[in-house]
All heavy atoms as atom14 arrays in JSON, in Angstrom:
{
  "sequence": "LVESGGGLVQAGGSLRLSCAVAISIQFFDTMGWYRQAPG",
  "atom14_mask": [
    [1, 1, 1, 1, 1, 1, 1, 1, 0, 0, 0, 0, 0, 0],
    [1, 1, 1, 1, 1, 1, 1, 0, 0, 0, 0, 0, 0, 0],
    [1, 1, 1, 1, 1, 1, 1, 1, 1, 0, 0, 0, 0, 0],
    [1, 1, 1, 1, 1, 1, 0, 0, 0, 0, 0, 0, 0, 0],
    [1, 1, 1, 1, 0, 0, 0, 0, 0, 0, 0, 0, 0, 0],
    [1, 1, 1, 1, 0, 0, 0, 0, 0, 0, 0, 0, 0, 0],
    [1, 1, 1, 1, 0, 0, 0, 0, 0, 0, 0, 0, 0, 0],
    [1, 1, 1, 1, 1, 1, 1, 1, 0, 0, 0, 0, 0, 0],
    [1, 1, 1, 1, 1, 1, 1, 0, 0, 0, 0, 0, 0, 0],
    [1, 1, 1, 1, 1, 1, 1, 1, 1, 0, 0, 0, 0, 0],
    [1, 1, 1, 1, 1, 0, 0, 0, 0, 0, 0, 0, 0, 0],
    [1, 1, 1, 1, 0, 0, 0, 0, 0, 0, 0, 0, 0, 0],
    [1, 1, 1, 1, 0, 0, 0, 0, 0, 0, 0, 0, 0, 0],
    [1, 1, 1, 1, 1, 1, 0, 0, 0, 0, 0, 0, 0, 0],
    [1, 1, 1, 1, 1, 1, 1, 1, 0, 0, 0, 0, 0, 0],
    [1, 1, 1, 1, 1, 1, 1, 1, 1, 1, 1, 0, 0, 0],
    [1, 1, 1, 1, 1, 1, 1, 1, 0, 0, 0, 0, 0, 0],
    [1, 1, 1, 1, 1, 1, 0, 0, 0, 0, 0, 0, 0, 0],
    [1, 1, 1, 1, 1, 1, 0, 0, 0, 0, 0, 0, 0, 0],
    [1, 1, 1, 1, 1, 0, 0, 0, 0, 0, 0, 0, 0, 0],
    [1, 1, 1, 1, 1, 1, 1, 0, 0, 0, 0, 0, 0, 0],
    [1, 1, 1, 1, 1, 0, 0, 0, 0, 0, 0, 0, 0, 0],
    [1, 1, 1, 1, 1, 1, 1, 1, 0, 0, 0, 0, 0, 0],
    [1, 1, 1, 1, 1, 1, 0, 0, 0, 0, 0, 0, 0, 0],
    [1, 1, 1, 1, 1, 1, 1, 1, 0, 0, 0, 0, 0, 0],
    [1, 1, 1, 1, 1, 1, 1, 1, 1, 0, 0, 0, 0, 0],
    [1, 1, 1, 1, 1, 1, 1, 1, 1, 1, 1, 0, 0, 0],
    [1, 1, 1, 1, 1, 1, 1, 1, 1, 1, 1, 0, 0, 0],
    [1, 1, 1, 1, 1, 1, 1, 1, 0, 0, 0, 0, 0, 0],
    [1, 1, 1, 1, 1, 1, 1, 0, 0, 0, 0, 0, 0, 0],
    [1, 1, 1, 1, 1, 1, 1, 1, 0, 0, 0, 0, 0, 0],
    [1, 1, 1, 1, 0, 0, 0, 0, 0, 0, 0, 0, 0, 0],
    [1, 1, 1, 1, 1, 1, 1, 1, 1, 1, 1, 1, 1, 1],
    [1, 1, 1, 1, 1, 1, 1, 1, 1, 1, 1, 1, 0, 0],
    [1, 1, 1, 1, 1, 1, 1, 1, 1, 1, 1, 0, 0, 0],
    [1, 1, 1, 1, 1, 1, 1, 1, 1, 0, 0, 0, 0, 0],
    [1, 1, 1, 1, 1, 0, 0, 0, 0, 0, 0, 0, 0, 0],
    [1, 1, 1, 1, 1, 1, 1, 0, 0, 0, 0, 0, 0, 0],
    [1, 1, 1, 1, 0, 0, 0, 0, 0, 0, 0, 0, 0, 0]
  ],
  "atom14_positions": [
    [[100.41, 82.78, 18.66], [100.22, 81.88, 19.79], [100.23, 82.7, 21.07], [101.14, 83.49, 21.3], [101.33, 80.83, 19.85], [101.64, 80.04, 18.58], [102.86, 79.17, 18.78], [100.43, 79.2, 18.19], [0.0, 0.0, 0.0], [0.0, 0.0, 0.0], [0.0, 0.0, 0.0], [0.0, 0.0, 0.0], [0.0, 0.0, 0.0], [0.0, 0.0, 0.0]],
    [[99.22, 82.5, 21.9], [99.11, 83.24, 23.15], [98.83, 82.28, 24.29], [97.78, 81.63, 24.32], [98.02, 84.32, 23.09], [97.93, 85.07, 24.42], [98.29, 85.3, 21.96], [0.0, 0.0, 0.0], [0.0, 0.0, 0.0], [0.0, 0.0, 0.0], [0.0, 0.0, 0.0], [0.0, 0.0, 0.0], [0.0, 0.0, 0.0], [0.0, 0.0, 0.0]],
    [[99.76, 82.2, 25.23], [99.61, 81.32, 26.38], [98.87, 82.03, 27.51], [98.99, 83.24, 27.69], [100.97, 80.85, 26.9], [101.83, 80.14, 25.87], [102.81, 81.06, 25.17], [102.52, 82.27, 25.06], [103.87, 80.57, 24.73], [0.0, 0.0, 0.0], [0.0, 0.0, 0.0], [0.0, 0.0, 0.0], [0.0, 0.0, 0.0], [0.0, 0.0, 0.0]],
    [[98.15, 81.25, 28.29], [97.49, 81.76, 29.47], [97.36, 80.64, 30.49], [97.55, 79.47, 30.17], [96.11, 82.35, 29.14], [95.23, 81.34, 28.65], [0.0, 0.0, 0.0], [0.0, 0.0, 0.0], [0.0, 0.0, 0.0], [0.0, 0.0, 0.0], [0.0, 0.0, 0.0], [0.0, 0.0, 0.0], [0.0, 0.0, 0.0], [0.0, 0.0, 0.0]],
    [[97.02, 81.01, 31.71], [96.78, 80.03, 32.75], [97.88, 79.89, 33.77], [97.71, 79.18, 34.77], [0.0, 0.0, 0.0], [0.0, 0.0, 0.0], [0.0, 0.0, 0.0], [0.0, 0.0, 0.0], [0.0, 0.0, 0.0], [0.0, 0.0, 0.0], [0.0, 0.0, 0.0], [0.0, 0.0, 0.0], [0.0, 0.0, 0.0], [0.0, 0.0, 0.0]],
    [[99.0, 80.53, 33.54], [100.08, 80.45, 34.5], [99.76, 81.23, 35.75], [98.81, 82.01, 35.81], [0.0, 0.0, 0.0], [0.0, 0.0, 0.0], [0.0, 0.0, 0.0], [0.0, 0.0, 0.0], [0.0, 0.0, 0.0], [0.0, 0.0, 0.0], [0.0, 0.0, 0.0], [0.0, 0.0, 0.0], [0.0, 0.0, 0.0], [0.0, 0.0, 0.0]],
    [[100.56, 81.01, 36.76], [100.36, 81.69, 38.02], [101.13, 81.05, 39.13], [102.04, 80.25, 38.9], [0.0, 0.0, 0.0], [0.0, 0.0, 0.0], [0.0, 0.0, 0.0], [0.0, 0.0, 0.0], [0.0, 0.0, 0.0], [0.0, 0.0, 0.0], [0.0, 0.0, 0.0], [0.0, 0.0, 0.0], [0.0, 0.0, 0.0], [0.0, 0.0, 0.0]],
    [[100.76, 81.4, 40.33], [101.4, 80.88, 41.54], [100.53, 79.8, 42.14], [99.32, 79.99, 42.33], [101.61, 82.01, 42.54], [102.18, 81.63, 43.9], [103.6, 81.08, 43.75], [102.16, 82.84, 44.83], [0.0, 0.0, 0.0], [0.0, 0.0, 0.0], [0.0, 0.0, 0.0], [0.0, 0.0, 0.0], [0.0, 0.0, 0.0], [0.0, 0.0, 0.0]],
    [[101.13, 78.67, 42.44], [100.39, 77.56, 43.02], [101.27, 76.85, 44.05], [102.49, 76.83, 43.94], [99.93, 76.57, 41.92], [101.13, 75.9, 41.25], [98.98, 75.53, 42.48], [0.0, 0.0, 0.0], [0.0, 0.0, 0.0], [0.0, 0.0, 0.0], [0.0, 0.0, 0.0], [0.0, 0.0, 0.0], [0.0, 0.0, 0.0], [0.0, 0.0, 0.0]],
    [[100.62, 76.3, 45.04], [101.33, 75.55, 46.07], [101.74, 74.18, 45.55], [101.08, 73.6, 44.69], [100.44, 75.39, 47.31], [101.13, 74.8, 48.53], [102.0, 75.79, 49.25], [101.94, 76.99, 49.0], [102.82, 75.29, 50.16], [0.0, 0.0, 0.0], [0.0, 0.0, 0.0], [0.0, 0.0, 0.0], [0.0, 0.0, 0.0], [0.0, 0.0, 0.0]],
    [[102.85, 73.68, 46.04], [103.29, 72.34, 45.67], [102.17, 71.33, 45.9], [101.49, 71.37, 46.93], [104.53, 71.94, 46.45], [0.0, 0.0, 0.0], [0.0, 0.0, 0.0], [0.0, 0.0, 0.0], [0.0, 0.0, 0.0], [0.0, 0.0, 0.0], [0.0, 0.0, 0.0], [0.0, 0.0, 0.0], [0.0, 0.0, 0.0], [0.0, 0.0, 0.0]],
    [[102.01, 70.44, 44.95], [100.94, 69.47, 45.0], [99.67, 69.9, 44.3], [98.78, 69.08, 44.07], [0.0, 0.0, 0.0], [0.0, 0.0, 0.0], [0.0, 0.0, 0.0], [0.0, 0.0, 0.0], [0.0, 0.0, 0.0], [0.0, 0.0, 0.0], [0.0, 0.0, 0.0], [0.0, 0.0, 0.0], [0.0, 0.0, 0.0], [0.0, 0.0, 0.0]],
    [[99.6, 71.16, 43.95], [98.43, 71.68, 43.27], [98.46, 71.45, 41.78], [99.34, 70.78, 41.24], [0.0, 0.0, 0.0], [0.0, 0.0, 0.0], [0.0, 0.0, 0.0], [0.0, 0.0, 0.0], [0.0, 0.0, 0.0], [0.0, 0.0, 0.0], [0.0, 0.0, 0.0], [0.0, 0.0, 0.0], [0.0, 0.0, 0.0], [0.0, 0.0, 0.0]],
    [[97.48, 72.03, 41.11], [97.32, 71.85, 39.67], [97.11, 73.18, 38.97], [96.61, 74.13, 39.55], [96.12, 70.94, 39.37], [96.29, 69.65, 39.93], [0.0, 0.0, 0.0], [0.0, 0.0, 0.0], [0.0, 0.0, 0.0], [0.0, 0.0, 0.0], [0.0, 0.0, 0.0], [0.0, 0.0, 0.0], [0.0, 0.0, 0.0], [0.0, 0.0, 0.0]],
    [[97.51, 73.21, 37.72], [97.24, 74.33, 36.84], [96.91, 73.79, 35.46], [97.39, 72.72, 35.08], [98.44, 75.28, 36.72], [98.74, 76.23, 37.87], [100.05, 76.95, 37.6], [97.61, 77.23, 38.05], [0.0, 0.0, 0.0], [0.0, 0.0, 0.0], [0.0, 0.0, 0.0], [0.0, 0.0, 0.0], [0.0, 0.0, 0.0], [0.0, 0.0, 0.0]],
    [[96.12, 74.55, 34.73], [95.83, 74.21, 33.35], [96.22, 75.38, 32.47], [95.67, 76.48, 32.6], [94.35, 73.89, 33.16], [94.0, 73.36, 31.77], [92.55, 72.93, 31.67], [92.22, 72.36, 30.38], [92.36, 71.09, 30.06], [92.81, 70.22, 30.96], [92.02, 70.65, 28.85], [0.0, 0.0, 0.0], [0.0, 0.0, 0.0], [0.0, 0.0, 0.0]],
    [[97.18, 75.16, 31.61], [97.63, 76.17, 30.68], [96.91, 76.0, 29.35], [96.62, 74.89, 28.92], [99.14, 76.06, 30.44], [100.04, 76.07, 31.68], [101.5, 76.01, 31.25], [99.76, 77.28, 32.55], [0.0, 0.0, 0.0], [0.0, 0.0, 0.0], [0.0, 0.0, 0.0], [0.0, 0.0, 0.0], [0.0, 0.0, 0.0], [0.0, 0.0, 0.0]],
    [[96.65, 77.12, 28.7], [96.02, 77.1, 27.4], [96.83, 77.92, 26.41], [97.34, 78.98, 26.75], [94.59, 77.65, 27.47], [93.74, 76.79, 28.2], [0.0, 0.0, 0.0], [0.0, 0.0, 0.0], [0.0, 0.0, 0.0], [0.0, 0.0, 0.0], [0.0, 0.0, 0.0], [0.0, 0.0, 0.0], [0.0, 0.0, 0.0], [0.0, 0.0, 0.0]],
    [[96.93, 77.41, 25.21], [97.57, 78.12, 24.12], [96.51, 78.43, 23.09], [96.01, 77.52, 22.41], [98.69, 77.27, 23.52], [99.48, 78.0, 22.07], [0.0, 0.0, 0.0], [0.0, 0.0, 0.0], [0.0, 0.0, 0.0], [0.0, 0.0, 0.0], [0.0, 0.0, 0.0], [0.0, 0.0, 0.0], [0.0, 0.0, 0.0], [0.0, 0.0, 0.0]],
    [[96.15, 79.7, 23.0], [95.19, 80.14, 22.0], [95.91, 80.44, 20.7], [96.95, 81.11, 20.69], [94.45, 81.38, 22.49], [0.0, 0.0, 0.0], [0.0, 0.0, 0.0], [0.0, 0.0, 0.0], [0.0, 0.0, 0.0], [0.0, 0.0, 0.0], [0.0, 0.0, 0.0], [0.0, 0.0, 0.0], [0.0, 0.0, 0.0], [0.0, 0.0, 0.0]],
    [[95.38, 79.94, 19.62], [96.02, 80.04, 18.32], [95.13, 80.85, 17.38], [93.93, 80.62, 17.3], [96.31, 78.65, 17.74], [97.1, 78.76, 16.44], [97.05, 77.79, 18.74], [0.0, 0.0, 0.0], [0.0, 0.0, 0.0], [0.0, 0.0, 0.0], [0.0, 0.0, 0.0], [0.0, 0.0, 0.0], [0.0, 0.0, 0.0], [0.0, 0.0, 0.0]],
    [[95.74, 81.8, 16.68], [94.99, 82.7, 15.82], [94.56, 82.06, 14.5], [93.7, 82.6, 13.81], [95.8, 83.97, 15.54], [0.0, 0.0, 0.0], [0.0, 0.0, 0.0], [0.0, 0.0, 0.0], [0.0, 0.0, 0.0], [0.0, 0.0, 0.0], [0.0, 0.0, 0.0], [0.0, 0.0, 0.0], [0.0, 0.0, 0.0], [0.0, 0.0, 0.0]],
    [[95.15, 80.96, 14.15], [94.73, 80.17, 13.01], [94.35, 78.79, 13.52], [94.52, 78.5, 14.71], [95.83, 80.08, 11.94], [97.09, 79.45, 12.52], [96.12, 81.46, 11.37], [98.2, 79.24, 11.51], [0.0, 0.0, 0.0], [0.0, 0.0, 0.0], [0.0, 0.0, 0.0], [0.0, 0.0, 0.0], [0.0, 0.0, 0.0], [0.0, 0.0, 0.0]],
    [[93.86, 77.95, 12.64], [93.49, 76.61, 13.08], [94.68, 75.89, 13.7], [95.78, 75.9, 13.15], [92.96, 75.79, 11.91], [92.74, 74.45, 12.28], [0.0, 0.0, 0.0], [0.0, 0.0, 0.0], [0.0, 0.0, 0.0], [0.0, 0.0, 0.0], [0.0, 0.0, 0.0], [0.0, 0.0, 0.0], [0.0, 0.0, 0.0], [0.0, 0.0, 0.0]],
    [[94.46, 75.26, 14.84], [95.53, 74.5, 15.47], [95.99, 73.36, 14.56], [97.13, 72.9, 14.67], [95.12, 73.94, 16.85], [93.87, 73.06, 16.74], [94.92, 75.08, 17.84], [93.47, 72.41, 18.05], [0.0, 0.0, 0.0], [0.0, 0.0, 0.0], [0.0, 0.0, 0.0], [0.0, 0.0, 0.0], [0.0, 0.0, 0.0], [0.0, 0.0, 0.0]],
    [[95.14, 72.94, 13.67], [95.48, 71.86, 12.75], [96.37, 72.32, 11.6], [96.79, 71.5, 10.79], [94.21, 71.19, 12.21], [93.38, 70.5, 13.28], [94.09, 69.33, 13.92], [94.95, 69.52, 14.81], [93.78, 68.12, 13.49], [0.0, 0.0, 0.0], [0.0, 0.0, 0.0], [0.0, 0.0, 0.0], [0.0, 0.0, 0.0], [0.0, 0.0, 0.0]],
    [[96.63, 73.62, 11.54], [97.6, 74.12, 10.59], [98.98, 73.52, 10.86], [99.76, 73.31, 9.93], [97.66, 75.65, 10.67], [98.76, 76.28, 9.85], [98.59, 76.52, 8.5], [99.96, 76.66, 10.44], [99.58, 77.11, 7.74], [100.96, 77.25, 9.69], [100.77, 77.48, 8.34], [0.0, 0.0, 0.0], [0.0, 0.0, 0.0], [0.0, 0.0, 0.0]],
    [[99.25, 73.25, 12.13], [100.56, 72.77, 12.53], [100.61, 71.25, 12.54], [99.68, 70.58, 12.98], [100.91, 73.3, 13.92], [100.98, 74.79, 13.99], [99.96, 75.52, 14.56], [102.08, 75.46, 13.47], [100.02, 76.9, 14.61], [102.15, 76.84, 13.52], [101.12, 77.56, 14.09], [0.0, 0.0, 0.0], [0.0, 0.0, 0.0], [0.0, 0.0, 0.0]],
    [[101.71, 70.72, 12.06], [101.92, 69.27, 12.13], [102.05, 68.82, 13.58], [101.53, 67.77, 13.96], [103.17, 68.88, 11.34], [103.02, 69.11, 9.86], [102.29, 68.33, 9.22], [103.62, 70.07, 9.35], [0.0, 0.0, 0.0], [0.0, 0.0, 0.0], [0.0, 0.0, 0.0], [0.0, 0.0, 0.0], [0.0, 0.0, 0.0], [0.0, 0.0, 0.0]],
    [[102.75, 69.62, 14.37], [102.95, 69.32, 15.77], [102.82, 70.6, 16.59], [103.34, 71.65, 16.2], [104.34, 68.71, 16.02], [104.49, 67.53, 15.23], [104.52, 68.35, 17.49], [0.0, 0.0, 0.0], [0.0, 0.0, 0.0], [0.0, 0.0, 0.0], [0.0, 0.0, 0.0], [0.0, 0.0, 0.0], [0.0, 0.0, 0.0], [0.0, 0.0, 0.0]],
    [[102.14, 70.5, 17.7], [102.12, 71.59, 18.67], [102.65, 71.06, 19.98], [102.53, 69.88, 20.29], [100.72, 72.17, 18.83], [100.17, 72.76, 17.55], [98.87, 73.99, 17.86], [99.85, 75.32, 18.58], [0.0, 0.0, 0.0], [0.0, 0.0, 0.0], [0.0, 0.0, 0.0], [0.0, 0.0, 0.0], [0.0, 0.0, 0.0], [0.0, 0.0, 0.0]],
    [[103.24, 71.96, 20.74], [103.83, 71.5, 21.98], [103.95, 72.58, 23.02], [103.78, 73.77, 22.76], [0.0, 0.0, 0.0], [0.0, 0.0, 0.0], [0.0, 0.0, 0.0], [0.0, 0.0, 0.0], [0.0, 0.0, 0.0], [0.0, 0.0, 0.0], [0.0, 0.0, 0.0], [0.0, 0.0, 0.0], [0.0, 0.0, 0.0], [0.0, 0.0, 0.0]],
    [[104.21, 72.12, 24.22], [104.53, 72.97, 25.34], [105.98, 72.73, 25.73], [106.42, 71.58, 25.84], [103.62, 72.71, 26.53], [102.25, 73.3, 26.39], [101.13, 72.7, 25.91], [101.89, 74.64, 26.74], [100.07, 73.57, 25.93], [100.51, 74.77, 26.44], [102.57, 75.73, 27.27], [99.81, 75.96, 26.66], [101.88, 76.91, 27.49], [100.51, 77.01, 27.18]],
    [[106.69, 73.8, 25.91], [108.08, 73.77, 26.36], [108.19, 74.62, 27.61], [107.32, 75.44, 27.9], [109.01, 74.32, 25.28], [109.1, 73.46, 24.04], [108.03, 73.38, 23.15], [110.26, 72.74, 23.75], [108.11, 72.6, 22.01], [110.34, 71.97, 22.61], [109.27, 71.91, 21.75], [109.37, 71.13, 20.62], [0.0, 0.0, 0.0], [0.0, 0.0, 0.0]],
    [[109.27, 74.44, 28.34], [109.48, 75.29, 29.5], [110.96, 75.62, 29.65], [111.83, 74.87, 29.23], [108.95, 74.64, 30.78], [109.72, 73.42, 31.25], [109.02, 72.81, 32.47], [109.78, 71.7, 33.03], [109.35, 70.96, 34.04], [108.16, 71.2, 34.6], [110.1, 69.96, 34.5], [0.0, 0.0, 0.0], [0.0, 0.0, 0.0], [0.0, 0.0, 0.0]],
    [[111.2, 76.75, 30.27], [112.55, 77.2, 30.49], [112.65, 77.8, 31.89], [112.03, 78.82, 32.18], [112.97, 78.23, 29.44], [114.42, 78.64, 29.54], [114.86, 79.46, 28.33], [114.04, 80.05, 27.64], [116.15, 79.47, 28.07], [0.0, 0.0, 0.0], [0.0, 0.0, 0.0], [0.0, 0.0, 0.0], [0.0, 0.0, 0.0], [0.0, 0.0, 0.0]],
    [[113.41, 77.15, 32.73], [113.67, 77.64, 34.07], [114.88, 78.56, 34.04], [115.71, 78.49, 33.12], [113.91, 76.48, 35.03], [0.0, 0.0, 0.0], [0.0, 0.0, 0.0], [0.0, 0.0, 0.0], [0.0, 0.0, 0.0], [0.0, 0.0, 0.0], [0.0, 0.0, 0.0], [0.0, 0.0, 0.0], [0.0, 0.0, 0.0], [0.0, 0.0, 0.0]],
    [[115.02, 79.43, 35.03], [116.18, 80.33, 35.05], [117.5, 79.57, 34.96], [117.72, 78.61, 35.7], [116.03, 81.04, 36.39], [114.57, 81.01, 36.67], [114.1, 79.69, 36.14], [0.0, 0.0, 0.0], [0.0, 0.0, 0.0], [0.0, 0.0, 0.0], [0.0, 0.0, 0.0], [0.0, 0.0, 0.0], [0.0, 0.0, 0.0], [0.0, 0.0, 0.0]],
    [[118.35, 80.0, 34.05], [119.64, 79.38, 33.88], [119.62, 78.03, 33.18], [120.66, 77.37, 33.11], [0.0, 0.0, 0.0], [0.0, 0.0, 0.0], [0.0, 0.0, 0.0], [0.0, 0.0, 0.0], [0.0, 0.0, 0.0], [0.0, 0.0, 0.0], [0.0, 0.0, 0.0], [0.0, 0.0, 0.0], [0.0, 0.0, 0.0], [0.0, 0.0, 0.0]]
  ]
}
């Protein structure tokens, strides 16, 4: 799994993240996005 699309954006703006998968995405029962802020 390889994520891309992150970066710096101003409040109110938009970003689109993509997760490229080396096998079929349908291999997984569930796929998701998680996040972890400092602390």
